[in-house]
């Protein structure tokens, strides 16, 4: 048995966070087969503060309609975390390089006696 399709309402969310109903028509325009340029291939586009601020701005706008776009919120949070890790992973300290060992390896041992009656921990 087919259920009648309930009327849908499309919302337009502006930068101010205001949502305005745009159409009650259940038909949507077809998607284009061309995808937007991927920023995943170029880290210089995703690892900058402007991109992070845009993501945070998008998250604030999305907060105007809570629990409506759960998957988008999750994806946005993942992208924000990824950009934060890339931006704030401060690796200014150079990697420590030790000199090559010379001579044979030696193992040293020393017994240390601890008075357990005086220090039971």
PDB file of N, CA and C in Angstrom:
ATOM      1  N   UNK A   1       0.845  -1.170   0.000  1.00  0.00           N
ATOM      2  CA  UNK A   1       0.000   0.000   0.000  1.00  0.00           C
ATOM      3  C   UNK A   1       0.893   1.237   0.000  1.00  0.00           C
ATOM      4  N   UNK A   2       0.647   2.126  -0.903  1.00  0.00           N
ATOM      5  CA  UNK A   2       1.422   3.351  -0.995  1.00  0.00           C
ATOM      6  C   UNK A   2       0.816   4.412  -0.098  1.00  0.00           C
ATOM      7  N   UNK A   3       1.701   5.071   0.608  1.00  0.00           N
ATOM      8  CA  UNK A   3       1.249   6.148   1.480  1.00  0.00           C
ATOM      9  C   UNK A   3       1.263   7.442   0.673  1.00  0.00           C
ATOM     10  N   UNK A   4       0.282   8.276   0.820  1.00  0.00           N
ATOM     11  CA  UNK A   4       0.321   9.556   0.112  1.00  0.00           C
ATOM     12  C   UNK A   4       1.477  10.390   0.662  1.00  0.00           C
ATOM     13  N   UNK A   5       2.134  11.074  -0.243  1.00  0.00           N
ATOM     14  CA  UNK A   5       3.288  11.873   0.158  1.00  0.00           C
ATOM     15  C   UNK A   5       2.818  13.142   0.853  1.00  0.00           C
ATOM     16  N   UNK A   6       3.378  13.364   2.009  1.00  0.00           N
ATOM     17  CA  UNK A   6       3.019  14.554   2.770  1.00  0.00           C
ATOM     18  C   UNK A   6       3.630  15.772   2.097  1.00  0.00           C
ATOM     19  N   UNK A   7       2.959  16.901   2.144  1.00  0.00           N
ATOM     20  CA  UNK A   7       3.543  18.097   1.539  1.00  0.00           C
ATOM     21  C   UNK A   7       4.824  18.480   2.273  1.00  0.00           C
ATOM     22  N   UNK A   8       5.780  18.912   1.509  1.00  0.00           N
ATOM     23  CA  UNK A   8       7.053  19.316   2.101  1.00  0.00           C
ATOM     24  C   UNK A   8       7.197  20.818   2.019  1.00  0.00           C
ATOM     25  N   UNK A   9       7.994  21.335   2.891  1.00  0.00           N
ATOM     26  CA  UNK A   9       8.235  22.764   2.904  1.00  0.00           C
ATOM     27  C   UNK A   9       9.733  22.985   2.855  1.00  0.00           C
ATOM     28  N   UNK A  10      10.185  23.734   1.881  1.00  0.00           N
ATOM     29  CA  UNK A  10      11.595  24.040   1.748  1.00  0.00           C
ATOM     30  C   UNK A  10      11.884  25.353   2.454  1.00  0.00           C
ATOM     31  N   UNK A  11      13.021  25.417   3.103  1.00  0.00           N
ATOM     32  CA  UNK A  11      13.410  26.620   3.823  1.00  0.00           C
ATOM     33  C   UNK A  11      14.671  27.197   3.212  1.00  0.00           C
ATOM     34  N   UNK A  12      14.748  28.492   3.178  1.00  0.00           N
ATOM     35  CA  UNK A  12      15.970  29.175   2.787  1.00  0.00           C
ATOM     36  C   UNK A  12      16.551  29.786   4.046  1.00  0.00           C
ATOM     37  N   UNK A  13      17.808  29.461   4.328  1.00  0.00           N
ATOM     38  CA  UNK A  13      18.461  29.987   5.522  1.00  0.00           C
ATOM     39  C   UNK A  13      19.431  31.073   5.085  1.00  0.00           C
ATOM     40  N   UNK A  14      19.187  32.281   5.566  1.00  0.00           N
ATOM     41  CA  UNK A  14      20.036  33.409   5.217  1.00  0.00           C
ATOM     42  C   UNK A  14      21.200  33.514   6.188  1.00  0.00           C
ATOM     43  N   UNK A  15      22.155  34.389   5.868  1.00  0.00           N
ATOM     44  CA  UNK A  15      23.334  34.545   6.717  1.00  0.00           C
ATOM     45  C   UNK A  15      22.980  35.058   8.099  1.00  0.00           C
ATOM     46  N   UNK A  16      21.858  35.704   8.227  1.00  0.00           N
ATOM     47  CA  UNK A  16      21.446  36.210   9.535  1.00  0.00           C
ATOM     48  C   UNK A  16      20.881  35.113  10.410  1.00  0.00           C
ATOM     49  N   UNK A  17      20.713  33.903   9.849  1.00  0.00           N
ATOM     50  CA  UNK A  17      20.159  32.802  10.610  1.00  0.00           C
ATOM     51  C   UNK A  17      18.651  32.703  10.481  1.00  0.00           C
ATOM     52  N   UNK A  18      18.038  33.624   9.744  1.00  0.00           N
ATOM     53  CA  UNK A  18      16.596  33.634   9.571  1.00  0.00           C
ATOM     54  C   UNK A  18      16.223  32.589   8.521  1.00  0.00           C
ATOM     55  N   UNK A  19      15.226  31.781   8.811  1.00  0.00           N
ATOM     56  CA  UNK A  19      14.767  30.783   7.844  1.00  0.00           C
ATOM     57  C   UNK A  19      13.420  31.216   7.291  1.00  0.00           C
ATOM     58  N   UNK A  20      13.299  31.178   5.963  1.00  0.00           N
ATOM     59  CA  UNK A  20      12.096  31.634   5.281  1.00  0.00           C
ATOM     60  C   UNK A  20      11.580  30.498   4.416  1.00  0.00           C
ATOM     61  N   UNK A  21      10.283  30.144   4.539  1.00  0.00           N
ATOM     62  CA  UNK A  21       9.747  29.102   3.658  1.00  0.00           C
ATOM     63  C   UNK A  21       9.758  29.590   2.212  1.00  0.00           C
ATOM     64  N   UNK A  22      10.211  28.726   1.291  1.00  0.00           N
ATOM     65  CA  UNK A  22      10.306  29.148  -0.099  1.00  0.00           C
ATOM     66  C   UNK A  22       9.285  28.475  -0.988  1.00  0.00           C
ATOM     67  N   UNK A  23       8.961  27.229  -0.715  1.00  0.00           N
ATOM     68  CA  UNK A  23       8.066  26.526  -1.621  1.00  0.00           C
ATOM     69  C   UNK A  23       7.397  25.378  -0.885  1.00  0.00           C
ATOM     70  N   UNK A  24       6.183  25.078  -1.273  1.00  0.00           N
ATOM     71  CA  UNK A  24       5.493  23.919  -0.722  1.00  0.00           C
ATOM     72  C   UNK A  24       5.479  22.786  -1.731  1.00  0.00           C
ATOM     73  N   UNK A  25       6.142  22.970  -2.836  1.00  0.00           N
ATOM     74  CA  UNK A  25       6.172  21.958  -3.888  1.00  0.00           C
ATOM     75  C   UNK A  25       7.131  20.840  -3.516  1.00  0.00           C
ATOM     76  N   UNK A  26       6.709  19.563  -3.656  1.00  0.00           N
ATOM     77  CA  UNK A  26       7.598  18.469  -3.296  1.00  0.00           C
ATOM     78  C   UNK A  26       8.657  18.174  -4.347  1.00  0.00           C
ATOM     79  N   UNK A  27       8.608  18.832  -5.496  1.00  0.00           N
ATOM     80  CA  UNK A  27       9.595  18.558  -6.536  1.00  0.00           C
ATOM     81  C   UNK A  27      10.820  19.414  -6.311  1.00  0.00           C
ATOM     82  N   UNK A  28      11.950  18.818  -6.530  1.00  0.00           N
ATOM     83  CA  UNK A  28      13.215  19.516  -6.379  1.00  0.00           C
ATOM     84  C   UNK A  28      13.898  19.585  -7.724  1.00  0.00           C
ATOM     85  N   UNK A  29      14.730  20.560  -7.903  1.00  0.00           N
ATOM     86  CA  UNK A  29      15.458  20.662  -9.165  1.00  0.00           C
ATOM     87  C   UNK A  29      16.477  19.541  -9.246  1.00  0.00           C
ATOM     88  N   UNK A  30      16.728  19.020 -10.439  1.00  0.00           N
ATOM     89  CA  UNK A  30      17.690  17.922 -10.566  1.00  0.00           C
ATOM     90  C   UNK A  30      19.096  18.387 -10.241  1.00  0.00           C
ATOM     91  N   UNK A  31      19.877  17.459  -9.725  1.00  0.00           N
ATOM     92  CA  UNK A  31      21.248  17.779  -9.373  1.00  0.00           C
ATOM     93  C   UNK A  31      22.118  17.786 -10.610  1.00  0.00           C
ATOM     94  N   UNK A  32      23.063  18.665 -10.636  1.00  0.00           N
ATOM     95  CA  UNK A  32      24.026  18.680 -11.731  1.00  0.00           C
ATOM     96  C   UNK A  32      25.028  17.570 -11.518  1.00  0.00           C
ATOM     97  N   UNK A  33      25.540  17.030 -12.603  1.00  0.00           N
ATOM     98  CA  UNK A  33      26.512  15.952 -12.477  1.00  0.00           C
ATOM     99  C   UNK A  33      27.899  16.477 -12.151  1.00  0.00           C
ATOM    100  N   UNK A  34      28.098  17.765 -12.316  1.00  0.00           N
ATOM    101  CA  UNK A  34      29.411  18.319 -12.000  1.00  0.00           C
ATOM    102  C   UNK A  34      29.465  18.624 -10.521  1.00  0.00           C
ATOM    103  N   UNK A  35      30.539  18.243  -9.906  1.00  0.00           N
ATOM    104  CA  UNK A  35      30.699  18.493  -8.481  1.00  0.00           C
ATOM    105  C   UNK A  35      31.552  19.735  -8.292  1.00  0.00           C
ATOM    106  N   UNK A  36      31.409  20.403  -7.162  1.00  0.00           N
ATOM    107  CA  UNK A  36      32.238  21.574  -6.911  1.00  0.00           C
ATOM    108  C   UNK A  36      33.691  21.158  -6.782  1.00  0.00           C
ATOM    109  N   UNK A  37      34.602  22.086  -6.997  1.00  0.00           N
ATOM    110  CA  UNK A  37      36.014  21.725  -6.891  1.00  0.00           C
ATOM    111  C   UNK A  37      36.340  21.239  -5.491  1.00  0.00           C
ATOM    112  N   UNK A  38      37.077  20.180  -5.422  1.00  0.00           N
ATOM    113  CA  UNK A  38      37.395  19.562  -4.142  1.00  0.00           C
ATOM    114  C   UNK A  38      38.521  20.318  -3.458  1.00  0.00           C
ATOM    115  N   UNK A  39      38.314  20.635  -2.186  1.00  0.00           N
ATOM    116  CA  UNK A  39      39.367  21.287  -1.421  1.00  0.00           C
ATOM    117  C   UNK A  39      40.220  20.266  -0.695  1.00  0.00           C
ATOM    118  N   UNK A  40      39.849  19.002  -0.795  1.00  0.00           N
ATOM    119  CA  UNK A  40      40.586  17.966  -0.086  1.00  0.00           C
ATOM    120  C   UNK A  40      41.947  17.726  -0.718  1.00  0.00           C
ATOM    121  N   UNK A  41      42.093  17.994  -2.000  1.00  0.00           N
ATOM    122  CA  UNK A  41      43.355  17.729  -2.668  1.00  0.00           C
ATOM    123  C   UNK A  41      44.379  18.821  -2.413  1.00  0.00           C
ATOM    124  N   UNK A  42      43.941  20.020  -2.105  1.00  0.00           N
ATOM    125  CA  UNK A  42      44.867  21.123  -1.896  1.00  0.00           C
ATOM    126  C   UNK A  42      44.834  21.544  -0.429  1.00  0.00           C
ATOM    127  N   UNK A  43      45.826  21.127   0.371  1.00  0.00           N
ATOM    128  CA  UNK A  43      45.791  21.468   1.799  1.00  0.00           C
ATOM    129  C   UNK A  43      45.928  22.955   2.071  1.00  0.00           C
ATOM    130  N   UNK A  44      46.466  23.722   1.125  1.00  0.00           N
ATOM    131  CA  UNK A  44      46.601  25.158   1.371  1.00  0.00           C
ATOM    132  C   UNK A  44      45.235  25.835   1.443  1.00  0.00           C
ATOM    133  N   UNK A  45      44.216  25.230   0.837  1.00  0.00           N
ATOM    134  CA  UNK A  45      42.877  25.809   0.909  1.00  0.00           C
ATOM    135  C   UNK A  45      42.162  25.434   2.194  1.00  0.00           C
ATOM    136  N   UNK A  46      42.450  24.267   2.732  1.00  0.00           N
ATOM    137  CA  UNK A  46      41.743  23.811   3.930  1.00  0.00           C
ATOM    138  C   UNK A  46      42.484  24.119   5.218  1.00  0.00           C
ATOM    139  N   UNK A  47      43.764  24.382   5.147  1.00  0.00           N
ATOM    140  CA  UNK A  47      44.551  24.608   6.357  1.00  0.00           C
ATOM    141  C   UNK A  47      44.833  26.090   6.558  1.00  0.00           C
ATOM    142  N   UNK A  48      43.802  26.899   6.497  1.00  0.00           N
ATOM    143  CA  UNK A  48      44.004  28.312   6.773  1.00  0.00           C
ATOM    144  C   UNK A  48      42.902  28.813   7.699  1.00  0.00           C
ATOM    145  N   UNK A  49      43.157  29.869   8.428  1.00  0.00           N
ATOM    146  CA  UNK A  49      42.178  30.372   9.407  1.00  0.00           C
ATOM    147  C   UNK A  49      40.878  30.856   8.770  1.00  0.00           C
ATOM    148  N   UNK A  50      40.941  31.342   7.528  1.00  0.00           N
ATOM    149  CA  UNK A  50      39.719  31.820   6.881  1.00  0.00           C
ATOM    150  C   UNK A  50      38.740  30.668   6.650  1.00  0.00           C
ATOM    151  N   UNK A  51      39.281  29.522   6.260  1.00  0.00           N
ATOM    152  CA  UNK A  51      38.430  28.347   6.037  1.00  0.00           C
ATOM    153  C   UNK A  51      37.792  27.902   7.353  1.00  0.00           C
ATOM    154  N   UNK A  52      38.574  27.916   8.430  1.00  0.00           N
ATOM    155  CA  UNK A  52      38.034  27.549   9.739  1.00  0.00           C
ATOM    156  C   UNK A  52      36.958  28.531  10.179  1.00  0.00           C
ATOM    157  N   UNK A  53      37.186  29.825   9.972  1.00  0.00           N
ATOM    158  CA  UNK A  53      36.175  30.806  10.373  1.00  0.00           C
ATOM    159  C   UNK A  53      34.900  30.648   9.547  1.00  0.00           C
ATOM    160  N   UNK A  54      35.034  30.291   8.266  1.00  0.00           N
ATOM    161  CA  UNK A  54      33.844  30.050   7.448  1.00  0.00           C
ATOM    162  C   UNK A  54      33.078  28.824   7.941  1.00  0.00           C
ATOM    163  N   UNK A  55      33.807  27.774   8.326  1.00  0.00           N
ATOM    164  CA  UNK A  55      33.148  26.581   8.862  1.00  0.00           C
ATOM    165  C   UNK A  55      32.407  26.902  10.158  1.00  0.00           C
ATOM    166  N   UNK A  56      33.038  27.687  11.026  1.00  0.00           N
ATOM    167  CA  UNK A  56      32.385  28.058  12.287  1.00  0.00           C
ATOM    168  C   UNK A  56      31.162  28.938  12.037  1.00  0.00           C
ATOM    169  N   UNK A  57      31.263  29.813  11.042  1.00  0.00           N
ATOM    170  CA  UNK A  57      30.120  30.653  10.675  1.00  0.00           C
ATOM    171  C   UNK A  57      28.973  29.781  10.155  1.00  0.00           C
ATOM    172  N   UNK A  58      29.308  28.787   9.331  1.00  0.00           N
ATOM    173  CA  UNK A  58      28.287  27.863   8.831  1.00  0.00           C
ATOM    174  C   UNK A  58      27.635  27.092   9.973  1.00  0.00           C
ATOM    175  N   UNK A  59      28.429  26.719  10.967  1.00  0.00           N
ATOM    176  CA  UNK A  59      27.880  25.980  12.106  1.00  0.00           C
ATOM    177  C   UNK A  59      26.914  26.854  12.909  1.00  0.00           C
ATOM    178  N   UNK A  60      27.254  28.134  13.076  1.00  0.00           N
ATOM    179  CA  UNK A  60      26.346  29.048  13.778  1.00  0.00           C
ATOM    180  C   UNK A  60      25.035  29.214  13.005  1.00  0.00           C
ATOM    181  N   UNK A  61      25.130  29.305  11.686  1.00  0.00           N
ATOM    182  CA  UNK A  61      23.921  29.441  10.876  1.00  0.00           C
ATOM    183  C   UNK A  61      23.074  28.176  10.950  1.00  0.00           C
ATOM    184  N   UNK A  62      23.734  27.044  10.981  1.00  0.00           N
ATOM    185  CA  UNK A  62      23.021  25.774  11.049  1.00  0.00           C
ATOM    186  C   UNK A  62      22.372  25.581  12.421  1.00  0.00           C
ATOM    187  N   UNK A  63      22.904  26.236  13.434  1.00  0.00           N
ATOM    188  CA  UNK A  63      22.336  26.124  14.778  1.00  0.00           C
ATOM    189  C   UNK A  63      20.968  26.800  14.873  1.00  0.00           C
ATOM    190  N   UNK A  64      20.621  27.612  13.871  1.00  0.00           N
ATOM    191  CA  UNK A  64      19.315  28.278  13.881  1.00  0.00           C
ATOM    192  C   UNK A  64      18.179  27.280  13.706  1.00  0.00           C
ATOM    193  N   UNK A  65      18.478  26.138  13.088  1.00  0.00           N
ATOM    194  CA  UNK A  65      17.471  25.091  12.909  1.00  0.00           C
ATOM    195  C   UNK A  65      18.012  23.809  13.529  1.00  0.00           C
ATOM    196  N   UNK A  66      17.932  23.677  14.860  1.00  0.00           N
ATOM    197  CA  UNK A  66      18.539  22.521  15.528  1.00  0.00           C
ATOM    198  C   UNK A  66      17.834  21.212  15.188  1.00  0.00           C
ATOM    199  N   UNK A  67      18.611  20.145  15.170  1.00  0.00           N
ATOM    200  CA  UNK A  67      18.142  18.770  14.941  1.00  0.00           C
ATOM    201  C   UNK A  67      17.417  18.579  13.611  1.00  0.00           C
ATOM    202  N   UNK A  68      17.669  19.451  12.660  1.00  0.00           N
ATOM    203  CA  UNK A  68      17.031  19.294  11.366  1.00  0.00           C
ATOM    204  C   UNK A  68      17.989  18.670  10.357  1.00  0.00           C
ATOM    205  N   UNK A  69      19.249  19.032  10.447  1.00  0.00           N
ATOM    206  CA  UNK A  69      20.259  18.525   9.526  1.00  0.00           C
ATOM    207  C   UNK A  69      21.344  17.825  10.327  1.00  0.00           C
ATOM    208  N   UNK A  70      21.022  16.665  10.891  1.00  0.00           N
ATOM    209  CA  UNK A  70      21.960  15.983  11.785  1.00  0.00           C
ATOM    210  C   UNK A  70      23.223  15.536  11.056  1.00  0.00           C
ATOM    211  N   UNK A  71      23.071  15.036   9.843  1.00  0.00           N
ATOM    212  CA  UNK A  71      24.237  14.547   9.108  1.00  0.00           C
ATOM    213  C   UNK A  71      25.147  15.703   8.696  1.00  0.00           C
ATOM    214  N   UNK A  72      24.538  16.815   8.325  1.00  0.00           N
ATOM    215  CA  UNK A  72      25.338  17.983   7.952  1.00  0.00           C
ATOM    216  C   UNK A  72      26.084  18.500   9.169  1.00  0.00           C
ATOM    217  N   UNK A  73      25.425  18.513  10.321  1.00  0.00           N
ATOM    218  CA  UNK A  73      26.092  18.958  11.545  1.00  0.00           C
ATOM    219  C   UNK A  73      27.280  18.062  11.870  1.00  0.00           C
ATOM    220  N   UNK A  74      27.097  16.748  11.725  1.00  0.00           N
ATOM    221  CA  UNK A  74      28.177  15.802  12.013  1.00  0.00           C
ATOM    222  C   UNK A  74      29.340  15.999  11.042  1.00  0.00           C
ATOM    223  N   UNK A  75      29.036  16.143   9.752  1.00  0.00           N
ATOM    224  CA  UNK A  75      30.091  16.346   8.759  1.00  0.00           C
ATOM    225  C   UNK A  75      30.816  17.672   8.982  1.00  0.00           C
ATOM    226  N   UNK A  76      30.071  18.686   9.350  1.00  0.00           N
ATOM    227  CA  UNK A  76      30.667  19.988   9.617  1.00  0.00           C
ATOM    228  C   UNK A  76      31.580  19.923  10.837  1.00  0.00           C
ATOM    229  N   UNK A  77      31.145  19.217  11.887  1.00  0.00           N
ATOM    230  CA  UNK A  77      31.987  19.047  13.073  1.00  0.00           C
ATOM    231  C   UNK A  77      33.263  18.281  12.744  1.00  0.00           C
ATOM    232  N   UNK A  78      33.150  17.246  11.905  1.00  0.00           N
ATOM    233  CA  UNK A  78      34.341  16.489  11.509  1.00  0.00           C
ATOM    234  C   UNK A  78      35.321  17.368  10.742  1.00  0.00           C
ATOM    235  N   UNK A  79      34.813  18.182   9.841  1.00  0.00           N
ATOM    236  CA  UNK A  79      35.685  19.056   9.052  1.00  0.00           C
ATOM    237  C   UNK A  79      36.330  20.116   9.940  1.00  0.00           C
ATOM    238  N   UNK A  80      35.577  20.660  10.891  1.00  0.00           N
ATOM    239  CA  UNK A  80      36.134  21.653  11.818  1.00  0.00           C
ATOM    240  C   UNK A  80      37.252  21.027  12.638  1.00  0.00           C
ATOM    241  N   UNK A  81      37.027  19.815  13.140  1.00  0.00           N
ATOM    242  CA  UNK A  81      38.070  19.143  13.923  1.00  0.00           C
ATOM    243  C   UNK A  81      39.303  18.864  13.079  1.00  0.00           C
ATOM    244  N   UNK A  82      39.106  18.439  11.834  1.00  0.00           N
ATOM    245  CA  UNK A  82      40.237  18.145  10.951  1.00  0.00           C
ATOM    246  C   UNK A  82      41.062  19.403  10.685  1.00  0.00           C
ATOM    247  N   UNK A  83      40.382  20.520  10.433  1.00  0.00           N
ATOM    248  CA  UNK A  83      41.087  21.768  10.151  1.00  0.00           C
ATOM    249  C   UNK A  83      41.793  22.270  11.401  1.00  0.00           C
ATOM    250  N   UNK A  84      41.153  22.146  12.565  1.00  0.00           N
ATOM    251  CA  UNK A  84      41.802  22.574  13.810  1.00  0.00           C
ATOM    252  C   UNK A  84      43.065  21.773  14.084  1.00  0.00           C
ATOM    253  N   UNK A  85      43.006  20.469  13.861  1.00  0.00           N
ATOM    254  CA  UNK A  85      44.193  19.632  14.073  1.00  0.00           C
ATOM    255  C   UNK A  85      45.309  20.060  13.132  1.00  0.00           C
ATOM    256  N   UNK A  86      44.965  20.313  11.873  1.00  0.00           N
ATOM    257  CA  UNK A  86      45.979  20.721  10.906  1.00  0.00           C
ATOM    258  C   UNK A  86      46.529  22.109  11.196  1.00  0.00           C
ATOM    259  N   UNK A  87      45.670  23.008  11.661  1.00  0.00           N
ATOM    260  CA  UNK A  87      46.123  24.375  11.927  1.00  0.00           C
ATOM    261  C   UNK A  87      46.945  24.487  13.202  1.00  0.00           C
ATOM    262  N   UNK A  88      46.484  23.845  14.255  1.00  0.00           N
ATOM    263  CA  UNK A  88      47.088  24.052  15.560  1.00  0.00           C
ATOM    264  C   UNK A  88      48.030  22.942  15.978  1.00  0.00           C
ATOM    265  N   UNK A  89      48.418  22.099  15.051  1.00  0.00           N
ATOM    266  CA  UNK A  89      49.434  21.089  15.324  1.00  0.00           C
ATOM    267  C   UNK A  89      50.782  21.788  15.205  1.00  0.00           C
ATOM    268  N   UNK A  90      51.162  22.428  16.262  1.00  0.00           N
ATOM    269  CA  UNK A  90      52.370  23.244  16.242  1.00  0.00           C
ATOM    270  C   UNK A  90      53.604  22.355  16.266  1.00  0.00           C
ATOM    271  N   UNK A  91      54.164  22.177  15.125  1.00  0.00           N
ATOM    272  CA  UNK A  91      55.382  21.381  15.031  1.00  0.00           C
ATOM    273  C   UNK A  91      56.560  22.303  14.745  1.00  0.00           C
ATOM    274  N   UNK A  92      56.660  23.387  15.526  1.00  0.00           N
ATOM    275  CA  UNK A  92      57.752  24.331  15.320  1.00  0.00           C
ATOM    276  C   UNK A  92      59.066  23.765  15.837  1.00  0.00           C
ATOM    277  N   UNK A  93      58.978  22.848  16.772  1.00  0.00           N
ATOM    278  CA  UNK A  93      60.181  22.227  17.295  1.00  0.00           C
ATOM    279  C   UNK A  93      60.661  21.185  16.285  1.00  0.00           C
ATOM    280  N   UNK A  94      61.894  21.299  15.842  1.00  0.00           N
ATOM    281  CA  UNK A  94      62.362  20.327  14.842  1.00  0.00           C
ATOM    282  C   UNK A  94      62.482  18.936  15.447  1.00  0.00           C
ATOM    283  N   UNK A  95      62.358  17.949  14.592  1.00  0.00           N
ATOM    284  CA  UNK A  95      62.468  16.568  15.036  1.00  0.00           C
ATOM    285  C   UNK A  95      63.886  16.319  15.526  1.00  0.00           C
ATOM    286  N   UNK A  96      63.996  15.688  16.689  1.00  0.00           N
ATOM    287  CA  UNK A  96      65.300  15.448  17.281  1.00  0.00           C
ATOM    288  C   UNK A  96      66.009  14.328  16.525  1.00  0.00           C
ATOM    289  N   UNK A  97      67.215  14.615  16.098  1.00  0.00           N
ATOM    290  CA  UNK A  97      68.012  13.607  15.411  1.00  0.00           C
ATOM    291  C   UNK A  97      69.204  13.263  16.293  1.00  0.00           C
ATOM    292  N   UNK A  98      69.297  12.010  16.660  1.00  0.00           N
ATOM    293  CA  UNK A  98      70.389  11.545  17.502  1.00  0.00           C
ATOM    294  C   UNK A  98      71.545  11.089  16.627  1.00  0.00           C
ATOM    295  N   UNK A  99      72.755  11.207  17.145  1.00  0.00           N
ATOM    296  CA  UNK A  99      73.897  10.729  16.358  1.00  0.00           C
ATOM    297  C   UNK A  99      73.892   9.204  16.274  1.00  0.00           C
ATOM    298  N   UNK A 100      74.580   8.696  15.291  1.00  0.00           N
ATOM    299  CA  UNK A 100      74.690   7.249  15.126  1.00  0.00           C
ATOM    300  C   UNK A 100      75.462   6.669  16.311  1.00  0.00           C
ATOM    301  N   UNK A 101      75.021   5.520  16.844  1.00  0.00           N
ATOM    302  CA  UNK A 101      75.755   4.923  17.972  1.00  0.00           C
ATOM    303  C   UNK A 101      77.109   4.391  17.504  1.00  0.00           C
ATOM    304  N   UNK A 102      78.086   4.517  18.392  1.00  0.00           N
ATOM    305  CA  UNK A 102      79.396   3.943  18.070  1.00  0.00           C
ATOM    306  C   UNK A 102      79.805   3.016  19.204  1.00  0.00           C
ATOM    307  N   UNK A 103      80.515   1.985  18.893  1.00  0.00           N
ATOM    308  CA  UNK A 103      80.925   1.004  19.897  1.00  0.00           C
ATOM    309  C   UNK A 103      79.846  -0.043  20.101  1.00  0.00           C
ATOM    310  N   UNK A 104      80.119  -0.943  21.049  1.00  0.00           N
ATOM    311  CA  UNK A 104      79.150  -2.003  21.303  1.00  0.00           C
ATOM    312  C   UNK A 104      78.137  -1.555  22.354  1.00  0.00           C
ATOM    313  N   UNK A 105      76.961  -2.183  22.324  1.00  0.00           N
ATOM    314  CA  UNK A 105      75.906  -1.853  23.275  1.00  0.00           C
ATOM    315  C   UNK A 105      76.250  -2.444  24.628  1.00  0.00           C
ATOM    316  N   UNK A 106      75.970  -1.682  25.682  1.00  0.00           N
ATOM    317  CA  UNK A 106      76.218  -2.142  27.045  1.00  0.00           C
ATOM    318  C   UNK A 106      74.939  -1.988  27.846  1.00  0.00           C
ATOM    319  N   UNK A 107      74.684  -2.957  28.712  1.00  0.00           N
ATOM    320  CA  UNK A 107      73.512  -2.927  29.579  1.00  0.00           C
ATOM    321  C   UNK A 107      74.008  -2.805  31.015  1.00  0.00           C
ATOM    322  N   UNK A 108      73.503  -1.800  31.719  1.00  0.00           N
ATOM    323  CA  UNK A 108      73.891  -1.578  33.106  1.00  0.00           C
ATOM    324  C   UNK A 108      72.702  -1.892  34.002  1.00  0.00           C
ATOM    325  N   UNK A 109      72.996  -2.486  35.165  1.00  0.00           N
ATOM    326  CA  UNK A 109      71.971  -2.786  36.157  1.00  0.00           C
ATOM    327  C   UNK A 109      72.457  -2.320  37.513  1.00  0.00           C
ATOM    328  N   UNK A 110      71.502  -1.938  38.325  1.00  0.00           N
ATOM    329  CA  UNK A 110      71.840  -1.575  39.698  1.00  0.00           C
ATOM    330  C   UNK A 110      70.653  -1.944  40.567  1.00  0.00           C
ATOM    331  N   UNK A 111      70.930  -2.604  41.682  1.00  0.00           N
ATOM    332  CA  UNK A 111      69.868  -2.959  42.608  1.00  0.00           C
ATOM    333  C   UNK A 111      69.631  -1.786  43.545  1.00  0.00           C
ATOM    334  N   UNK A 112      68.368  -1.478  43.737  1.00  0.00           N
ATOM    335  CA  UNK A 112      67.985  -0.398  44.636  1.00  0.00           C
ATOM    336  C   UNK A 112      67.125  -1.019  45.726  1.00  0.00           C
ATOM    337  N   UNK A 113      67.555  -0.877  46.965  1.00  0.00           N
ATOM    338  CA  UNK A 113      66.813  -1.417  48.098  1.00  0.00           C
ATOM    339  C   UNK A 113      65.904  -0.334  48.657  1.00  0.00           C
ATOM    340  N   UNK A 114      64.634  -0.699  48.803  1.00  0.00           N
ATOM    341  CA  UNK A 114      63.643   0.240  49.323  1.00  0.00           C
ATOM    342  C   UNK A 114      63.089  -0.347  50.607  1.00  0.00           C
ATOM    343  N   UNK A 115      63.160   0.396  51.703  1.00  0.00           N
ATOM    344  CA  UNK A 115      62.608  -0.107  52.966  1.00  0.00           C
ATOM    345  C   UNK A 115      61.074  -0.048  52.922  1.00  0.00           C
ATOM    346  N   UNK A 116      60.449  -1.197  52.699  1.00  0.00           N
ATOM    347  CA  UNK A 116      58.992  -1.225  52.559  1.00  0.00           C
ATOM    348  C   UNK A 116      58.267  -1.033  53.885  1.00  0.00           C
ATOM    349  N   UNK A 117      58.935  -1.292  55.020  1.00  0.00           N
ATOM    350  CA  UNK A 117      58.272  -1.035  56.296  1.00  0.00           C
ATOM    351  C   UNK A 117      58.107   0.471  56.509  1.00  0.00           C
ATOM    352  N   UNK A 118      59.060   1.244  56.047  1.00  0.00           N
ATOM    353  CA  UNK A 118      58.974   2.696  56.229  1.00  0.00           C
ATOM    354  C   UNK A 118      58.156   3.359  55.112  1.00  0.00           C
ATOM    355  N   UNK A 119      58.160   2.776  53.915  1.00  0.00           N
ATOM    356  CA  UNK A 119      57.440   3.334  52.750  1.00  0.00           C
ATOM    357  C   UNK A 119      56.571   2.242  52.126  1.00  0.00           C
ATOM    358  N   UNK A 120      55.379   1.968  52.693  1.00  0.00           N
ATOM    359  CA  UNK A 120      54.565   0.843  52.213  1.00  0.00           C
ATOM    360  C   UNK A 120      53.876   1.097  50.859  1.00  0.00           C
ATOM    361  N   UNK A 121      53.885   2.288  50.350  1.00  0.00           N
ATOM    362  CA  UNK A 121      53.183   2.559  49.088  1.00  0.00           C
ATOM    363  C   UNK A 121      53.820   1.790  48.022  1.00  0.00           C
TER     364      UNK A 121
END
